[in-house]
């Protein structure tokens, strides 16, 4: 039986979401699935990004929405913009209209992770506000829940991440980087999500 394939698709301005995506990938790979990492297209011109002091984009392929049906599951990562996913990610989903019409993504599992500037920046609501995209495609939302209780109940430090998905706090100027515990939660999410993908893939293969 072939390995199930998980696409990890992200948008990252200052590298925080990309760092989480890398750890999500490690977690998923630890459960024996094939992982492909992609980023969505940037909408801002280089001049604007320069004024924002944004670092260069990582050497990760840009997602082609027409390849999405090839994946068995998705982990989506995006920073918040006023309690909702960044416009770059919204634009990515807006480009999936033909897949919606054909039902090409129906029944595929998906999870989300995010980054906010502060504790009150909306880590839960940002993911919640992304779910309409999954619903309209008929995708299966897979949150972390409290299976990762050892991380979510840890109050020893300020840390991102919720039952909705892994997360990090970037600080008001993007100076804060993901902590070890935030990365551990991202790794946990990747691994636990991969188990769901494997179970669904095995059931689908057995029924074929």
C-alpha atoms as a PDB file:
ATOM      1  CA  UNK A   1       0.000   0.000   0.000  1.00  0.00           C
ATOM      2  CA  UNK A   2       1.355   3.424  -0.943  1.00  0.00           C
ATOM      3  CA  UNK A   3       2.079   6.016   1.700  1.00  0.00           C
ATOM      4  CA  UNK A   4      -0.602   8.649   2.230  1.00  0.00           C
ATOM      5  CA  UNK A   5       0.488  12.145   1.243  1.00  0.00           C
ATOM      6  CA  UNK A   6       0.069  15.227   3.426  1.00  0.00           C
ATOM      7  CA  UNK A   7       0.439  18.710   1.963  1.00  0.00           C
ATOM      8  CA  UNK A   8       1.557  21.354   4.453  1.00  0.00           C
ATOM      9  CA  UNK A   9       0.629  24.695   2.917  1.00  0.00           C
ATOM     10  CA  UNK A  10       1.541  27.972   4.617  1.00  0.00           C
ATOM     11  CA  UNK A  11       1.938  31.707   4.322  1.00  0.00           C
ATOM     12  CA  UNK A  12       4.607  33.385   6.443  1.00  0.00           C
ATOM     13  CA  UNK A  13       5.659  37.039   6.488  1.00  0.00           C
ATOM     14  CA  UNK A  14       8.460  36.931   9.051  1.00  0.00           C
ATOM     15  CA  UNK A  15       9.206  33.201   9.198  1.00  0.00           C
ATOM     16  CA  UNK A  16       7.236  32.215  12.301  1.00  0.00           C
ATOM     17  CA  UNK A  17       4.584  30.152  10.500  1.00  0.00           C
ATOM     18  CA  UNK A  18       7.254  28.610   8.281  1.00  0.00           C
ATOM     19  CA  UNK A  19       9.141  27.447  11.376  1.00  0.00           C
ATOM     20  CA  UNK A  20       5.960  25.846  12.717  1.00  0.00           C
ATOM     21  CA  UNK A  21       5.355  24.251   9.312  1.00  0.00           C
ATOM     22  CA  UNK A  22       8.787  22.647   9.395  1.00  0.00           C
ATOM     23  CA  UNK A  23       8.025  21.092  12.774  1.00  0.00           C
ATOM     24  CA  UNK A  24       4.567  19.982  11.646  1.00  0.00           C
ATOM     25  CA  UNK A  25       6.315  18.210   8.770  1.00  0.00           C
ATOM     26  CA  UNK A  26       8.727  16.427  11.105  1.00  0.00           C
ATOM     27  CA  UNK A  27       5.833  15.257  13.256  1.00  0.00           C
ATOM     28  CA  UNK A  28       3.861  13.951  10.282  1.00  0.00           C
ATOM     29  CA  UNK A  29       6.898  12.209   8.808  1.00  0.00           C
ATOM     30  CA  UNK A  30       7.541  10.491  12.147  1.00  0.00           C
ATOM     31  CA  UNK A  31       4.250   8.636  11.590  1.00  0.00           C
ATOM     32  CA  UNK A  32       5.299   7.366   8.182  1.00  0.00           C
ATOM     33  CA  UNK A  33       3.378   9.624   5.814  1.00  0.00           C
ATOM     34  CA  UNK A  34       4.874  11.444   2.858  1.00  0.00           C
ATOM     35  CA  UNK A  35       4.977  15.203   3.413  1.00  0.00           C
ATOM     36  CA  UNK A  36       5.159  17.920   0.797  1.00  0.00           C
ATOM     37  CA  UNK A  37       5.736  21.497   1.938  1.00  0.00           C
ATOM     38  CA  UNK A  38       4.343  24.435  -0.054  1.00  0.00           C
ATOM     39  CA  UNK A  39       3.821  28.160   0.377  1.00  0.00           C
ATOM     40  CA  UNK A  40       1.069  30.286  -1.127  1.00  0.00           C
ATOM     41  CA  UNK A  41       1.831  33.177  -3.486  1.00  0.00           C
ATOM     42  CA  UNK A  42       2.777  36.532  -2.012  1.00  0.00           C
ATOM     43  CA  UNK A  43       0.475  39.437  -2.833  1.00  0.00           C
ATOM     44  CA  UNK A  44       2.636  42.283  -1.577  1.00  0.00           C
ATOM     45  CA  UNK A  45       5.276  43.850  -3.872  1.00  0.00           C
ATOM     46  CA  UNK A  46       8.938  43.581  -2.895  1.00  0.00           C
ATOM     47  CA  UNK A  47       9.046  47.316  -2.171  1.00  0.00           C
ATOM     48  CA  UNK A  48       6.361  46.987   0.475  1.00  0.00           C
ATOM     49  CA  UNK A  49       7.932  43.865   1.973  1.00  0.00           C
ATOM     50  CA  UNK A  50      11.214  45.729   2.206  1.00  0.00           C
ATOM     51  CA  UNK A  51       9.592  48.564   4.134  1.00  0.00           C
ATOM     52  CA  UNK A  52       8.091  45.961   6.452  1.00  0.00           C
ATOM     53  CA  UNK A  53      11.611  44.532   7.008  1.00  0.00           C
ATOM     54  CA  UNK A  54      10.307  41.111   5.974  1.00  0.00           C
ATOM     55  CA  UNK A  55      13.031  38.518   5.324  1.00  0.00           C
ATOM     56  CA  UNK A  56      13.324  36.742   1.956  1.00  0.00           C
ATOM     57  CA  UNK A  57      10.864  33.940   1.332  1.00  0.00           C
ATOM     58  CA  UNK A  58      12.130  30.409   2.037  1.00  0.00           C
ATOM     59  CA  UNK A  59      13.113  28.108  -0.814  1.00  0.00           C
ATOM     60  CA  UNK A  60       9.792  26.261  -0.739  1.00  0.00           C
ATOM     61  CA  UNK A  61       7.678  25.627  -3.862  1.00  0.00           C
ATOM     62  CA  UNK A  62       4.578  27.736  -4.525  1.00  0.00           C
ATOM     63  CA  UNK A  63       1.424  25.648  -4.375  1.00  0.00           C
ATOM     64  CA  UNK A  64      -0.448  24.914  -7.592  1.00  0.00           C
ATOM     65  CA  UNK A  65      -4.094  24.565  -6.550  1.00  0.00           C
ATOM     66  CA  UNK A  66      -4.699  22.044  -9.328  1.00  0.00           C
ATOM     67  CA  UNK A  67      -2.433  19.561  -7.508  1.00  0.00           C
ATOM     68  CA  UNK A  68      -4.490  19.636  -4.287  1.00  0.00           C
ATOM     69  CA  UNK A  69      -6.559  16.542  -5.176  1.00  0.00           C
ATOM     70  CA  UNK A  70      -3.302  14.532  -5.151  1.00  0.00           C
ATOM     71  CA  UNK A  71      -3.012  14.920  -1.378  1.00  0.00           C
ATOM     72  CA  UNK A  72      -4.704  12.731   1.226  1.00  0.00           C
ATOM     73  CA  UNK A  73      -4.762  15.503   3.842  1.00  0.00           C
ATOM     74  CA  UNK A  74      -3.752  19.094   4.492  1.00  0.00           C
ATOM     75  CA  UNK A  75      -2.206  21.157   7.263  1.00  0.00           C
ATOM     76  CA  UNK A  76      -2.741  24.870   6.653  1.00  0.00           C
ATOM     77  CA  UNK A  77      -0.605  27.511   8.377  1.00  0.00           C
ATOM     78  CA  UNK A  78      -1.243  31.251   8.336  1.00  0.00           C
ATOM     79  CA  UNK A  79      -0.716  34.350  10.499  1.00  0.00           C
ATOM     80  CA  UNK A  80      -3.661  36.361  11.739  1.00  0.00           C
ATOM     81  CA  UNK A  81      -4.855  39.625  10.289  1.00  0.00           C
ATOM     82  CA  UNK A  82      -7.435  41.127  12.644  1.00  0.00           C
ATOM     83  CA  UNK A  83      -8.723  37.731  13.750  1.00  0.00           C
ATOM     84  CA  UNK A  84      -8.792  36.108  10.309  1.00  0.00           C
ATOM     85  CA  UNK A  85      -6.229  34.398   8.053  1.00  0.00           C
ATOM     86  CA  UNK A  86      -3.925  36.712   6.094  1.00  0.00           C
ATOM     87  CA  UNK A  87      -5.197  37.892   2.697  1.00  0.00           C
ATOM     88  CA  UNK A  88      -2.568  35.796   0.944  1.00  0.00           C
ATOM     89  CA  UNK A  89      -4.165  32.663   2.333  1.00  0.00           C
ATOM     90  CA  UNK A  90      -7.666  33.841   1.546  1.00  0.00           C
ATOM     91  CA  UNK A  91      -6.526  34.443  -2.030  1.00  0.00           C
ATOM     92  CA  UNK A  92      -5.190  30.889  -2.181  1.00  0.00           C
ATOM     93  CA  UNK A  93      -8.562  29.463  -1.178  1.00  0.00           C
ATOM     94  CA  UNK A  94     -10.366  31.820  -3.543  1.00  0.00           C
ATOM     95  CA  UNK A  95      -8.417  30.169  -6.365  1.00  0.00           C
ATOM     96  CA  UNK A  96      -9.867  26.721  -5.565  1.00  0.00           C
ATOM     97  CA  UNK A  97     -13.294  27.435  -7.078  1.00  0.00           C
ATOM     98  CA  UNK A  98     -13.057  24.764  -9.760  1.00  0.00           C
ATOM     99  CA  UNK A  99     -12.142  22.161  -7.124  1.00  0.00           C
ATOM    100  CA  UNK A 100     -15.161  23.222  -5.073  1.00  0.00           C
ATOM    101  CA  UNK A 101     -17.425  22.850  -8.084  1.00  0.00           C
ATOM    102  CA  UNK A 102     -16.187  19.347  -8.797  1.00  0.00           C
ATOM    103  CA  UNK A 103     -16.044  18.254  -5.145  1.00  0.00           C
ATOM    104  CA  UNK A 104     -12.403  17.274  -5.610  1.00  0.00           C
ATOM    105  CA  UNK A 105     -11.474  17.925  -1.960  1.00  0.00           C
ATOM    106  CA  UNK A 106     -14.591  16.431  -0.381  1.00  0.00           C
ATOM    107  CA  UNK A 107     -13.848  14.186   2.586  1.00  0.00           C
ATOM    108  CA  UNK A 108     -10.170  15.091   2.870  1.00  0.00           C
ATOM    109  CA  UNK A 109      -8.959  15.843   6.432  1.00  0.00           C
ATOM    110  CA  UNK A 110      -7.408  19.217   7.254  1.00  0.00           C
ATOM    111  CA  UNK A 111      -5.908  20.948  10.271  1.00  0.00           C
ATOM    112  CA  UNK A 112      -4.669  24.487  10.903  1.00  0.00           C
ATOM    113  CA  UNK A 113      -1.933  26.334  12.804  1.00  0.00           C
ATOM    114  CA  UNK A 114      -1.273  30.030  13.225  1.00  0.00           C
ATOM    115  CA  UNK A 115       0.779  32.941  14.556  1.00  0.00           C
ATOM    116  CA  UNK A 116      -0.329  36.096  16.336  1.00  0.00           C
ATOM    117  CA  UNK A 117       1.510  39.111  17.700  1.00  0.00           C
ATOM    118  CA  UNK A 118       0.112  38.841  21.217  1.00  0.00           C
ATOM    119  CA  UNK A 119      -1.830  36.687  23.676  1.00  0.00           C
ATOM    120  CA  UNK A 120      -5.059  38.435  22.731  1.00  0.00           C
ATOM    121  CA  UNK A 121      -4.314  38.356  19.016  1.00  0.00           C
ATOM    122  CA  UNK A 122      -6.880  35.683  18.210  1.00  0.00           C
ATOM    123  CA  UNK A 123      -5.200  32.277  17.915  1.00  0.00           C
ATOM    124  CA  UNK A 124      -8.516  30.443  18.323  1.00  0.00           C
ATOM    125  CA  UNK A 125     -10.726  32.855  16.388  1.00  0.00           C
ATOM    126  CA  UNK A 126      -8.275  33.062  13.462  1.00  0.00           C
ATOM    127  CA  UNK A 127      -8.534  29.328  12.910  1.00  0.00           C
ATOM    128  CA  UNK A 128     -12.285  29.389  13.550  1.00  0.00           C
ATOM    129  CA  UNK A 129     -12.675  32.078  10.888  1.00  0.00           C
ATOM    130  CA  UNK A 130     -10.846  29.862   8.386  1.00  0.00           C
ATOM    131  CA  UNK A 131     -13.208  26.926   8.722  1.00  0.00           C
ATOM    132  CA  UNK A 132     -15.766  28.174   6.203  1.00  0.00           C
ATOM    133  CA  UNK A 133     -13.206  27.354   3.519  1.00  0.00           C
ATOM    134  CA  UNK A 134     -13.059  23.753   4.696  1.00  0.00           C
ATOM    135  CA  UNK A 135     -16.826  23.491   5.092  1.00  0.00           C
ATOM    136  CA  UNK A 136     -17.555  24.647   1.560  1.00  0.00           C
ATOM    137  CA  UNK A 137     -15.171  22.023   0.212  1.00  0.00           C
ATOM    138  CA  UNK A 138     -16.659  19.333   2.454  1.00  0.00           C
ATOM    139  CA  UNK A 139     -13.319  18.753   4.129  1.00  0.00           C
ATOM    140  CA  UNK A 140     -12.964  17.136   7.570  1.00  0.00           C
ATOM    141  CA  UNK A 141     -11.535  19.512  10.187  1.00  0.00           C
ATOM    142  CA  UNK A 142      -9.119  17.757  12.555  1.00  0.00           C
ATOM    143  CA  UNK A 143      -8.201  19.870  15.602  1.00  0.00           C
ATOM    144  CA  UNK A 144      -5.641  18.912  18.228  1.00  0.00           C
ATOM    145  CA  UNK A 145      -8.248  18.893  20.986  1.00  0.00           C
ATOM    146  CA  UNK A 146      -6.823  18.205  24.418  1.00  0.00           C
ATOM    147  CA  UNK A 147      -4.957  15.086  23.354  1.00  0.00           C
ATOM    148  CA  UNK A 148      -1.903  17.328  23.756  1.00  0.00           C
ATOM    149  CA  UNK A 149      -2.847  18.166  27.326  1.00  0.00           C
ATOM    150  CA  UNK A 150       0.736  18.044  28.582  1.00  0.00           C
ATOM    151  CA  UNK A 151       1.463  21.073  26.393  1.00  0.00           C
ATOM    152  CA  UNK A 152      -1.866  22.903  26.611  1.00  0.00           C
ATOM    153  CA  UNK A 153      -2.059  22.747  30.420  1.00  0.00           C
ATOM    154  CA  UNK A 154       1.533  23.891  30.848  1.00  0.00           C
ATOM    155  CA  UNK A 155       1.459  27.366  32.399  1.00  0.00           C
ATOM    156  CA  UNK A 156       5.182  27.633  33.059  1.00  0.00           C
ATOM    157  CA  UNK A 157       5.704  30.088  30.192  1.00  0.00           C
ATOM    158  CA  UNK A 158       3.900  32.332  27.776  1.00  0.00           C
ATOM    159  CA  UNK A 159       3.211  30.131  24.775  1.00  0.00           C
ATOM    160  CA  UNK A 160       0.976  29.908  21.736  1.00  0.00           C
ATOM    161  CA  UNK A 161      -1.152  26.990  20.680  1.00  0.00           C
ATOM    162  CA  UNK A 162      -4.721  25.956  21.471  1.00  0.00           C
ATOM    163  CA  UNK A 163      -6.971  22.912  21.046  1.00  0.00           C
ATOM    164  CA  UNK A 164      -7.734  24.369  17.613  1.00  0.00           C
ATOM    165  CA  UNK A 165      -4.128  24.056  16.433  1.00  0.00           C
ATOM    166  CA  UNK A 166      -0.494  24.857  17.123  1.00  0.00           C
ATOM    167  CA  UNK A 167       0.519  28.494  17.352  1.00  0.00           C
ATOM    168  CA  UNK A 168       3.215  30.958  18.260  1.00  0.00           C
ATOM    169  CA  UNK A 169       3.445  34.555  19.422  1.00  0.00           C
ATOM    170  CA  UNK A 170       5.565  36.768  17.182  1.00  0.00           C
ATOM    171  CA  UNK A 171       5.599  39.950  19.270  1.00  0.00           C
ATOM    172  CA  UNK A 172       4.609  43.422  18.019  1.00  0.00           C
ATOM    173  CA  UNK A 173       7.548  43.662  15.621  1.00  0.00           C
ATOM    174  CA  UNK A 174       7.998  39.984  14.819  1.00  0.00           C
ATOM    175  CA  UNK A 175      11.079  39.747  17.005  1.00  0.00           C
ATOM    176  CA  UNK A 176       9.975  36.722  19.051  1.00  0.00           C
ATOM    177  CA  UNK A 177      10.643  33.293  17.559  1.00  0.00           C
ATOM    178  CA  UNK A 178       8.752  30.045  18.310  1.00  0.00           C
ATOM    179  CA  UNK A 179       9.777  28.513  21.626  1.00  0.00           C
ATOM    180  CA  UNK A 180      10.712  24.907  22.222  1.00  0.00           C
ATOM    181  CA  UNK A 181       7.279  24.156  23.683  1.00  0.00           C
ATOM    182  CA  UNK A 182       5.488  25.798  20.764  1.00  0.00           C
ATOM    183  CA  UNK A 183       7.532  23.695  18.364  1.00  0.00           C
ATOM    184  CA  UNK A 184       6.789  20.563  20.380  1.00  0.00           C
ATOM    185  CA  UNK A 185       3.077  21.256  20.039  1.00  0.00           C
ATOM    186  CA  UNK A 186       3.479  21.736  16.277  1.00  0.00           C
ATOM    187  CA  UNK A 187       5.339  18.415  16.113  1.00  0.00           C
ATOM    188  CA  UNK A 188       2.547  16.778  18.106  1.00  0.00           C
ATOM    189  CA  UNK A 189      -0.085  18.197  15.771  1.00  0.00           C
ATOM    190  CA  UNK A 190       1.745  16.920  12.710  1.00  0.00           C
ATOM    191  CA  UNK A 191       2.075  13.444  14.211  1.00  0.00           C
ATOM    192  CA  UNK A 192      -1.496  13.185  15.492  1.00  0.00           C
ATOM    193  CA  UNK A 193      -2.879  14.509  12.200  1.00  0.00           C
ATOM    194  CA  UNK A 194      -0.840  11.935  10.272  1.00  0.00           C
ATOM    195  CA  UNK A 195      -2.448   9.138  12.305  1.00  0.00           C
ATOM    196  CA  UNK A 196      -5.896  10.326  11.204  1.00  0.00           C
ATOM    197  CA  UNK A 197      -4.787  10.545   7.580  1.00  0.00           C
ATOM    198  CA  UNK A 198      -3.331   7.035   7.721  1.00  0.00           C
ATOM    199  CA  UNK A 199      -6.523   5.593   9.202  1.00  0.00           C
ATOM    200  CA  UNK A 200      -8.720   7.190   6.555  1.00  0.00           C
ATOM    201  CA  UNK A 201      -6.325   6.195   3.779  1.00  0.00           C
ATOM    202  CA  UNK A 202      -6.284   2.571   4.980  1.00  0.00           C
ATOM    203  CA  UNK A 203     -10.085   2.471   5.148  1.00  0.00           C
ATOM    204  CA  UNK A 204     -10.402   3.943   1.673  1.00  0.00           C
ATOM    205  CA  UNK A 205      -7.863   1.494   0.263  1.00  0.00           C
ATOM    206  CA  UNK A 206      -9.612  -1.470   1.905  1.00  0.00           C
ATOM    207  CA  UNK A 207     -12.956  -0.396   0.468  1.00  0.00           C
ATOM    208  CA  UNK A 208     -11.590   0.022  -3.061  1.00  0.00           C
END
